[in-house]
Amino acid sequence: MDPAYYVAAGSLRARAYQMEVISNNLANAQTIAYKPEKTFYSVYNKAKSEGRGLPLTPHVNDGTIIAQSGVDFSQGTLRATKQNLDLALQGKGFFMVKTAQGTQATRDGQLQIGLTGQLQTRDGATLLGKNNLPIPIDPAGGLVTVQSDGTVLQGENTQGQINVQDFTNPSALRRVGSSRFDISGAQATASTATITQGALEQSTVDLPTCMIDMIQMNRMYEMSLKAASTITNDMDEKSITDISTGH
């Protein structure tokens, strides 16, 4: 098969993947502490991997385009909410929460007091303290204050300290929800992030840029589709000619 066909087909697959990533970013433009994904692609040289020693050519030697993505963990702006249990991180780091799937990392600091008397996320995941245990809160025990280092006070009593972790290789974090990550495979390290009470970190999705990227990607997808269609038609025509001439 014509090597150009593999390139066109690979380009189609890559563009479709990139549009999916952009669409997901757009859908989470208002999600608290959402970190968008950035796409990139590479060229896989099939002939080179087979040890044939062929140099790259304009046809990419049966190459194909592979789309990949990575999360952009840039700091988002903080919006004051004046809600006592809204927390925002300033700097590199994540809140640690216990879920049914294990310990996960998040920067979404929308908290509440659970029925069993502990700090938890809005969907019920338990916020972990420095000892990897829940932070107990008495629903009738008075005002909750969170200091910049994560120390949690209720009235004058210290209830614990929020566990904020950073990672030496954040690229190893695997997204398992809009603002939550699986920490398996990531190396934890101490965080220098500070906590602001009564505020939430906003999504870092740049809407204008995303809209422009979506328009450009649609055009590139159409170009790749046209190239694949042209190559397919040429191959069909060549096959018919070969059959009719006995080749």
C-alpha atoms as a PDB file:
ATOM      1  CA  MET A   1       0.000   0.000   0.000  1.00  0.00           C
ATOM      2  CA  ASP A   2       1.165   3.538  -0.764  1.00  0.00           C
ATOM      3  CA  PRO A   3       3.083   4.875   2.278  1.00  0.00           C
ATOM      4  CA  ALA A   4       1.292   8.196   1.843  1.00  0.00           C
ATOM      5  CA  TYR A   5      -1.964   6.455   2.763  1.00  0.00           C
ATOM      6  CA  TYR A   6      -0.582   5.504   6.186  1.00  0.00           C
ATOM      7  CA  VAL A   7       0.501   9.082   6.754  1.00  0.00           C
ATOM      8  CA  ALA A   8      -2.959  10.433   5.810  1.00  0.00           C
ATOM      9  CA  ALA A   9      -4.753   7.834   7.930  1.00  0.00           C
ATOM     10  CA  GLY A  10      -2.460   8.535  10.882  1.00  0.00           C
ATOM     11  CA  SER A  11      -3.087  12.244  10.478  1.00  0.00           C
ATOM     12  CA  LEU A  12      -6.850  11.662  10.555  1.00  0.00           C
ATOM     13  CA  ARG A  13      -6.588   9.675  13.756  1.00  0.00           C
ATOM     14  CA  ALA A  14      -4.338  12.303  15.349  1.00  0.00           C
ATOM     15  CA  ARG A  15      -6.631  15.202  14.384  1.00  0.00           C
ATOM     16  CA  ALA A  16      -9.697  13.354  15.696  1.00  0.00           C
ATOM     17  CA  TYR A  17      -7.915  12.768  19.004  1.00  0.00           C
ATOM     18  CA  GLN A  18      -6.850  16.398  19.216  1.00  0.00           C
ATOM     19  CA  MET A  19     -10.433  17.579  18.608  1.00  0.00           C
ATOM     20  CA  GLU A  20     -11.617  15.279  21.394  1.00  0.00           C
ATOM     21  CA  VAL A  21      -9.080  16.791  23.803  1.00  0.00           C
ATOM     22  CA  ILE A  22     -10.038  20.357  22.864  1.00  0.00           C
ATOM     23  CA  SER A  23     -13.752  19.523  23.260  1.00  0.00           C
ATOM     24  CA  ASN A  24     -13.118  18.146  26.743  1.00  0.00           C
ATOM     25  CA  ASN A  25     -11.205  21.293  27.694  1.00  0.00           C
ATOM     26  CA  LEU A  26     -14.056  23.474  26.472  1.00  0.00           C
ATOM     27  CA  ALA A  27     -16.572  21.423  28.449  1.00  0.00           C
ATOM     28  CA  ASN A  28     -14.552  22.069  31.634  1.00  0.00           C
ATOM     29  CA  ALA A  29     -13.913  25.772  31.169  1.00  0.00           C
ATOM     30  CA  GLN A  30     -15.968  26.488  34.312  1.00  0.00           C
ATOM     31  CA  THR A  31     -14.893  23.442  36.341  1.00  0.00           C
ATOM     32  CA  ILE A  32     -13.171  24.391  39.591  1.00  0.00           C
ATOM     33  CA  ALA A  33      -9.377  23.880  39.453  1.00  0.00           C
ATOM     34  CA  TYR A  34      -9.562  22.078  36.086  1.00  0.00           C
ATOM     35  CA  LYS A  35      -6.208  21.677  34.353  1.00  0.00           C
ATOM     36  CA  PRO A  36      -6.462  21.462  30.551  1.00  0.00           C
ATOM     37  CA  GLU A  37      -4.671  18.972  28.356  1.00  0.00           C
ATOM     38  CA  LYS A  38      -2.313  20.055  25.617  1.00  0.00           C
ATOM     39  CA  THR A  39      -1.892  17.897  22.533  1.00  0.00           C
ATOM     40  CA  PHE A  40       1.209  17.181  20.496  1.00  0.00           C
ATOM     41  CA  TYR A  41       2.174  14.577  17.941  1.00  0.00           C
ATOM     42  CA  SER A  42       5.143  12.622  16.777  1.00  0.00           C
ATOM     43  CA  VAL A  43       6.043  10.696  13.643  1.00  0.00           C
ATOM     44  CA  TYR A  44       6.616   6.969  13.973  1.00  0.00           C
ATOM     45  CA  ASN A  45       8.949   5.677  11.276  1.00  0.00           C
ATOM     46  CA  LYS A  46       7.899   2.109  10.507  1.00  0.00           C
ATOM     47  CA  ALA A  47      10.736   1.371   8.101  1.00  0.00           C
ATOM     48  CA  LYS A  48      13.345   2.625  10.555  1.00  0.00           C
ATOM     49  CA  SER A  49      11.927   0.494  13.393  1.00  0.00           C
ATOM     50  CA  GLU A  50      12.234  -2.562  11.168  1.00  0.00           C
ATOM     51  CA  GLY A  51      15.974  -1.995  10.882  1.00  0.00           C
ATOM     52  CA  ARG A  52      15.900  -1.334   7.161  1.00  0.00           C
ATOM     53  CA  GLY A  53      18.181   1.663   7.593  1.00  0.00           C
ATOM     54  CA  LEU A  54      16.153   3.906   5.282  1.00  0.00           C
ATOM     55  CA  PRO A  55      16.460   7.651   5.772  1.00  0.00           C
ATOM     56  CA  LEU A  56      13.401   9.801   6.293  1.00  0.00           C
ATOM     57  CA  THR A  57      11.827  10.796   2.980  1.00  0.00           C
ATOM     58  CA  PRO A  58       8.945  13.079   2.040  1.00  0.00           C
ATOM     59  CA  HIS A  59       6.757   9.955   2.247  1.00  0.00           C
ATOM     60  CA  VAL A  60       7.984   9.290   5.810  1.00  0.00           C
ATOM     61  CA  ASN A  61       8.846   5.682   4.902  1.00  0.00           C
ATOM     62  CA  ASP A  62       5.456   4.189   5.869  1.00  0.00           C
ATOM     63  CA  GLY A  63       5.338   6.555   8.831  1.00  0.00           C
ATOM     64  CA  THR A  64       2.253   7.442  10.788  1.00  0.00           C
ATOM     65  CA  ILE A  65       1.342  10.385  12.988  1.00  0.00           C
ATOM     66  CA  ILE A  66       0.645   9.610  16.643  1.00  0.00           C
ATOM     67  CA  ALA A  67      -1.222  12.184  18.757  1.00  0.00           C
ATOM     68  CA  GLN A  68      -0.475  12.418  22.450  1.00  0.00           C
ATOM     69  CA  SER A  69      -1.431  14.770  25.258  1.00  0.00           C
ATOM     70  CA  GLY A  70      -0.188  16.067  28.574  1.00  0.00           C
ATOM     71  CA  VAL A  71      -1.803  18.042  31.389  1.00  0.00           C
ATOM     72  CA  ASP A  72      -0.864  21.699  31.852  1.00  0.00           C
ATOM     73  CA  PHE A  73      -0.625  22.190  35.631  1.00  0.00           C
ATOM     74  CA  SER A  74      -0.169  25.965  35.483  1.00  0.00           C
ATOM     75  CA  GLN A  75      -1.536  27.947  38.421  1.00  0.00           C
ATOM     76  CA  GLY A  76      -5.097  29.215  38.026  1.00  0.00           C
ATOM     77  CA  THR A  77      -6.477  32.482  39.354  1.00  0.00           C
ATOM     78  CA  LEU A  78      -8.144  32.473  42.773  1.00  0.00           C
ATOM     79  CA  ARG A  79     -11.726  33.687  43.107  1.00  0.00           C
ATOM     80  CA  ALA A  80     -12.961  34.795  46.520  1.00  0.00           C
ATOM     81  CA  THR A  81     -16.159  33.015  47.559  1.00  0.00           C
ATOM     82  CA  LYS A  82     -16.280  33.935  51.269  1.00  0.00           C
ATOM     83  CA  GLN A  83     -17.435  30.355  51.907  1.00  0.00           C
ATOM     84  CA  ASN A  84     -15.669  29.039  54.989  1.00  0.00           C
ATOM     85  CA  LEU A  85     -15.055  25.552  53.565  1.00  0.00           C
ATOM     86  CA  ASP A  86     -13.808  26.689  50.162  1.00  0.00           C
ATOM     87  CA  LEU A  87     -10.035  26.272  49.923  1.00  0.00           C
ATOM     88  CA  ALA A  88      -7.616  27.184  47.147  1.00  0.00           C
ATOM     89  CA  LEU A  89      -3.988  26.192  46.615  1.00  0.00           C
ATOM     90  CA  GLN A  90      -1.410  28.783  45.622  1.00  0.00           C
ATOM     91  CA  GLY A  91       1.672  27.058  44.240  1.00  0.00           C
ATOM     92  CA  LYS A  92       2.537  23.519  43.212  1.00  0.00           C
ATOM     93  CA  GLY A  93       0.688  20.825  45.102  1.00  0.00           C
ATOM     94  CA  PHE A  94      -2.509  18.828  45.508  1.00  0.00           C
ATOM     95  CA  PHE A  95      -5.012  17.978  48.210  1.00  0.00           C
ATOM     96  CA  MET A  96      -5.013  14.246  48.975  1.00  0.00           C
ATOM     97  CA  VAL A  97      -8.440  12.599  49.121  1.00  0.00           C
ATOM     98  CA  LYS A  98      -9.529   9.057  49.865  1.00  0.00           C
ATOM     99  CA  THR A  99     -11.944   7.555  47.335  1.00  0.00           C
ATOM    100  CA  ALA A 100     -13.351   4.106  46.632  1.00  0.00           C
ATOM    101  CA  GLN A 101     -10.534   3.735  44.068  1.00  0.00           C
ATOM    102  CA  GLY A 102      -7.807   4.675  46.553  1.00  0.00           C
ATOM    103  CA  THR A 103      -5.949   7.888  47.361  1.00  0.00           C
ATOM    104  CA  GLN A 104      -6.203  10.522  44.651  1.00  0.00           C
ATOM    105  CA  ALA A 105      -4.915  14.058  44.111  1.00  0.00           C
ATOM    106  CA  THR A 106      -7.016  17.129  43.394  1.00  0.00           C
ATOM    107  CA  ARG A 107      -6.818  20.908  43.491  1.00  0.00           C
ATOM    108  CA  ASP A 108     -10.575  21.264  43.880  1.00  0.00           C
ATOM    109  CA  GLY A 109     -11.020  22.634  47.403  1.00  0.00           C
ATOM    110  CA  GLN A 110     -14.815  22.757  47.586  1.00  0.00           C
ATOM    111  CA  LEU A 111     -15.338  21.034  50.953  1.00  0.00           C
ATOM    112  CA  GLN A 112     -18.161  20.144  53.287  1.00  0.00           C
ATOM    113  CA  ILE A 113     -18.601  18.454  56.644  1.00  0.00           C
ATOM    114  CA  GLY A 114     -19.629  14.835  56.157  1.00  0.00           C
ATOM    115  CA  LEU A 115     -22.358  13.054  58.070  1.00  0.00           C
ATOM    116  CA  THR A 116     -19.711  11.178  60.067  1.00  0.00           C
ATOM    117  CA  GLY A 117     -18.047  14.451  61.116  1.00  0.00           C
ATOM    118  CA  GLN A 118     -15.059  14.922  58.796  1.00  0.00           C
ATOM    119  CA  LEU A 119     -13.932  17.209  56.016  1.00  0.00           C
ATOM    120  CA  GLN A 120     -14.751  15.845  52.582  1.00  0.00           C
ATOM    121  CA  THR A 121     -15.233  16.933  48.982  1.00  0.00           C
ATOM    122  CA  ARG A 122     -18.652  17.744  47.556  1.00  0.00           C
ATOM    123  CA  ASP A 123     -18.963  14.211  46.135  1.00  0.00           C
ATOM    124  CA  GLY A 124     -18.053  12.539  49.422  1.00  0.00           C
ATOM    125  CA  ALA A 125     -14.317  11.808  49.065  1.00  0.00           C
ATOM    126  CA  THR A 126     -12.527  12.139  52.413  1.00  0.00           C
ATOM    127  CA  LEU A 127      -9.929  14.902  52.742  1.00  0.00           C
ATOM    128  CA  LEU A 128      -6.768  13.436  54.258  1.00  0.00           C
ATOM    129  CA  GLY A 129      -4.595  14.945  56.938  1.00  0.00           C
ATOM    130  CA  LYS A 130      -0.831  14.678  57.352  1.00  0.00           C
ATOM    131  CA  ASN A 131      -1.264  11.274  59.010  1.00  0.00           C
ATOM    132  CA  ASN A 132      -3.340  10.088  56.030  1.00  0.00           C
ATOM    133  CA  LEU A 133      -6.386   9.989  58.288  1.00  0.00           C
ATOM    134  CA  PRO A 134      -9.602  12.043  58.064  1.00  0.00           C
ATOM    135  CA  ILE A 135      -9.746  15.435  59.771  1.00  0.00           C
ATOM    136  CA  PRO A 136     -12.546  15.258  62.376  1.00  0.00           C
ATOM    137  CA  ILE A 137     -14.961  18.170  62.554  1.00  0.00           C
ATOM    138  CA  ASP A 138     -17.873  18.616  64.968  1.00  0.00           C
ATOM    139  CA  PRO A 139     -20.849  19.892  62.909  1.00  0.00           C
ATOM    140  CA  ALA A 140     -22.007  21.802  65.983  1.00  0.00           C
ATOM    141  CA  GLY A 141     -18.571  22.720  67.265  1.00  0.00           C
ATOM    142  CA  GLY A 142     -18.173  26.213  65.914  1.00  0.00           C
ATOM    143  CA  LEU A 143     -16.310  28.000  63.133  1.00  0.00           C
ATOM    144  CA  VAL A 144     -13.677  26.112  61.125  1.00  0.00           C
ATOM    145  CA  THR A 145     -10.499  28.020  60.322  1.00  0.00           C
ATOM    146  CA  VAL A 146      -7.813  26.805  57.920  1.00  0.00           C
ATOM    147  CA  GLN A 147      -4.397  28.421  58.108  1.00  0.00           C
ATOM    148  CA  SER A 148      -2.076  28.893  55.138  1.00  0.00           C
ATOM    149  CA  ASP A 149      -0.018  25.817  56.115  1.00  0.00           C
ATOM    150  CA  GLY A 150      -3.140  23.642  56.205  1.00  0.00           C
ATOM    151  CA  THR A 151      -3.631  23.585  59.973  1.00  0.00           C
ATOM    152  CA  VAL A 152      -7.341  23.139  60.700  1.00  0.00           C
ATOM    153  CA  LEU A 153      -8.814  24.795  63.792  1.00  0.00           C
ATOM    154  CA  GLN A 154     -12.327  24.563  65.168  1.00  0.00           C
ATOM    155  CA  GLY A 155     -12.711  27.308  67.675  1.00  0.00           C
ATOM    156  CA  GLU A 156      -9.398  27.197  69.526  1.00  0.00           C
ATOM    157  CA  ASN A 157      -8.861  23.463  69.044  1.00  0.00           C
ATOM    158  CA  THR A 158      -6.446  22.090  66.446  1.00  0.00           C
ATOM    159  CA  GLN A 159      -8.179  19.299  64.510  1.00  0.00           C
ATOM    160  CA  GLY A 160      -5.319  18.340  62.225  1.00  0.00           C
ATOM    161  CA  GLN A 161      -3.317  19.527  59.232  1.00  0.00           C
ATOM    162  CA  ILE A 162      -4.339  19.050  55.611  1.00  0.00           C
ATOM    163  CA  ASN A 163      -2.020  16.809  53.612  1.00  0.00           C
ATOM    164  CA  VAL A 164      -0.832  18.778  50.564  1.00  0.00           C
ATOM    165  CA  GLN A 165       1.569  16.856  48.322  1.00  0.00           C
ATOM    166  CA  ASP A 166       3.564  17.728  45.242  1.00  0.00           C
ATOM    167  CA  PHE A 167       5.066  15.245  42.767  1.00  0.00           C
ATOM    168  CA  THR A 168       8.510  15.133  41.200  1.00  0.00           C
ATOM    169  CA  ASN A 169       6.983  13.773  37.988  1.00  0.00           C
ATOM    170  CA  PRO A 170       3.477  15.270  37.664  1.00  0.00           C
ATOM    171  CA  SER A 171       3.305  13.954  34.096  1.00  0.00           C
ATOM    172  CA  ALA A 172       2.856  10.497  35.661  1.00  0.00           C
ATOM    173  CA  LEU A 173      -0.451  11.555  37.223  1.00  0.00           C
ATOM    174  CA  ARG A 174      -3.382   9.970  35.383  1.00  0.00           C
ATOM    175  CA  ARG A 175      -6.612  11.915  35.097  1.00  0.00           C
ATOM    176  CA  VAL A 176      -9.536   9.966  36.568  1.00  0.00           C
ATOM    177  CA  GLY A 177     -12.053  12.802  36.673  1.00  0.00           C
ATOM    178  CA  SER A 178     -12.400  16.443  35.713  1.00  0.00           C
ATOM    179  CA  SER A 179     -10.179  17.644  38.570  1.00  0.00           C
ATOM    180  CA  ARG A 180      -8.871  14.441  40.135  1.00  0.00           C
ATOM    181  CA  PHE A 181      -5.799  12.313  39.427  1.00  0.00           C
ATOM    182  CA  ASP A 182      -4.609   8.787  40.162  1.00  0.00           C
ATOM    183  CA  ILE A 183      -1.240   9.051  41.924  1.00  0.00           C
ATOM    184  CA  SER A 184      -0.054   5.513  41.116  1.00  0.00           C
ATOM    185  CA  GLY A 185       3.384   5.721  39.518  1.00  0.00           C
ATOM    186  CA  ALA A 186       3.988   9.307  40.619  1.00  0.00           C
ATOM    187  CA  GLN A 187       6.719  10.116  43.164  1.00  0.00           C
ATOM    188  CA  ALA A 188       5.364  12.263  46.010  1.00  0.00           C
ATOM    189  CA  THR A 189       7.412  15.083  47.456  1.00  0.00           C
ATOM    190  CA  ALA A 190       6.865  17.911  49.924  1.00  0.00           C
ATOM    191  CA  SER A 191       4.790  20.820  48.657  1.00  0.00           C
ATOM    192  CA  THR A 192       5.466  24.506  49.225  1.00  0.00           C
ATOM    193  CA  ALA A 193       1.918  25.489  48.235  1.00  0.00           C
ATOM    194  CA  THR A 194      -0.093  27.639  50.605  1.00  0.00           C
ATOM    195  CA  ILE A 195      -3.830  27.435  51.274  1.00  0.00           C
ATOM    196  CA  THR A 196      -6.235  30.354  50.963  1.00  0.00           C
ATOM    197  CA  GLN A 197      -9.509  29.950  52.835  1.00  0.00           C
ATOM    198  CA  GLY A 198     -12.704  31.369  51.348  1.00  0.00           C
ATOM    199  CA  ALA A 199     -11.494  31.095  47.746  1.00  0.00           C
ATOM    200  CA  LEU A 200     -11.433  28.614  44.867  1.00  0.00           C
ATOM    201  CA  GLU A 201      -8.930  28.131  42.058  1.00  0.00           C
ATOM    202  CA  GLN A 202     -10.498  28.649  38.668  1.00  0.00           C
ATOM    203  CA  SER A 203     -10.124  26.523  35.543  1.00  0.00           C
ATOM    204  CA  THR A 204      -7.076  27.457  33.481  1.00  0.00           C
ATOM    205  CA  VAL A 205      -8.810  26.777  30.169  1.00  0.00           C
ATOM    206  CA  ASP A 206      -8.329  29.732  27.816  1.00  0.00           C
ATOM    207  CA  LEU A 207     -11.678  29.888  26.012  1.00  0.00           C
ATOM    208  CA  PRO A 208     -10.657  32.149  23.083  1.00  0.00           C
ATOM    209  CA  THR A 209      -7.570  30.025  22.388  1.00  0.00           C
ATOM    210  CA  CYS A 210      -9.606  26.817  22.604  1.00  0.00           C
ATOM    211  CA  MET A 211     -12.178  28.123  20.132  1.00  0.00           C
ATOM    212  CA  ILE A 212      -9.447  29.116  17.667  1.00  0.00           C
ATOM    213  CA  ASP A 213      -7.746  25.726  18.118  1.00  0.00           C
ATOM    214  CA  MET A 214     -11.035  23.933  17.442  1.00  0.00           C
ATOM    215  CA  ILE A 215     -11.610  25.862  14.199  1.00  0.00           C
ATOM    216  CA  GLN A 216      -8.043  25.204  13.028  1.00  0.00           C
ATOM    217  CA  MET A 217      -8.247  21.528  13.955  1.00  0.00           C
ATOM    218  CA  ASN A 218     -11.501  21.104  12.042  1.00  0.00           C
ATOM    219  CA  ARG A 219      -9.845  22.550   8.961  1.00  0.00           C
ATOM    220  CA  MET A 220      -6.807  20.299   9.365  1.00  0.00           C
ATOM    221  CA  TYR A 221      -9.055  17.268   9.816  1.00  0.00           C
ATOM    222  CA  GLU A 222     -10.883  18.127   6.587  1.00  0.00           C
ATOM    223  CA  MET A 223      -7.536  18.455   4.784  1.00  0.00           C
ATOM    224  CA  SER A 224      -6.382  15.065   6.090  1.00  0.00           C
ATOM    225  CA  LEU A 225      -9.708  13.505   5.100  1.00  0.00           C
ATOM    226  CA  LYS A 226      -9.420  14.934   1.601  1.00  0.00           C
ATOM    227  CA  ALA A 227      -5.841  13.645   1.282  1.00  0.00           C
ATOM    228  CA  ALA A 228      -6.868  10.134   2.422  1.00  0.00           C
ATOM    229  CA  SER A 229      -9.814  10.155   0.023  1.00  0.00           C
ATOM    230  CA  THR A 230      -7.646  11.279  -2.914  1.00  0.00           C
ATOM    231  CA  ILE A 231      -5.037   8.592  -2.211  1.00  0.00           C
ATOM    232  CA  THR A 232      -7.744   5.916  -1.883  1.00  0.00           C
ATOM    233  CA  ASN A 233      -9.297   6.920  -5.196  1.00  0.00           C
ATOM    234  CA  ASP A 234      -5.899   6.874  -6.885  1.00  0.00           C
ATOM    235  CA  MET A 235      -5.182   3.386  -5.519  1.00  0.00           C
ATOM    236  CA  ASP A 236      -8.598   2.127  -6.670  1.00  0.00           C
ATOM    237  CA  GLU A 237      -8.013   3.557 -10.136  1.00  0.00           C
ATOM    238  CA  LYS A 238      -4.562   1.964 -10.323  1.00  0.00           C
ATOM    239  CA  SER A 239      -5.974  -1.417  -9.253  1.00  0.00           C
ATOM    240  CA  ILE A 240      -8.661  -1.268 -11.937  1.00  0.00           C
ATOM    241  CA  THR A 241      -6.059  -0.311 -14.559  1.00  0.00           C
ATOM    242  CA  ASP A 242      -3.755  -3.137 -13.511  1.00  0.00           C
ATOM    243  CA  ILE A 243      -6.565  -5.682 -13.706  1.00  0.00           C
ATOM    244  CA  SER A 244      -7.769  -4.457 -17.072  1.00  0.00           C
ATOM    245  CA  THR A 245      -4.260  -4.579 -18.544  1.00  0.00           C
ATOM    246  CA  GLY A 246      -3.446  -7.944 -16.999  1.00  0.00           C
ATOM    247  CA  HIS A 247      -0.701  -6.560 -14.671  1.00  0.00           C
END
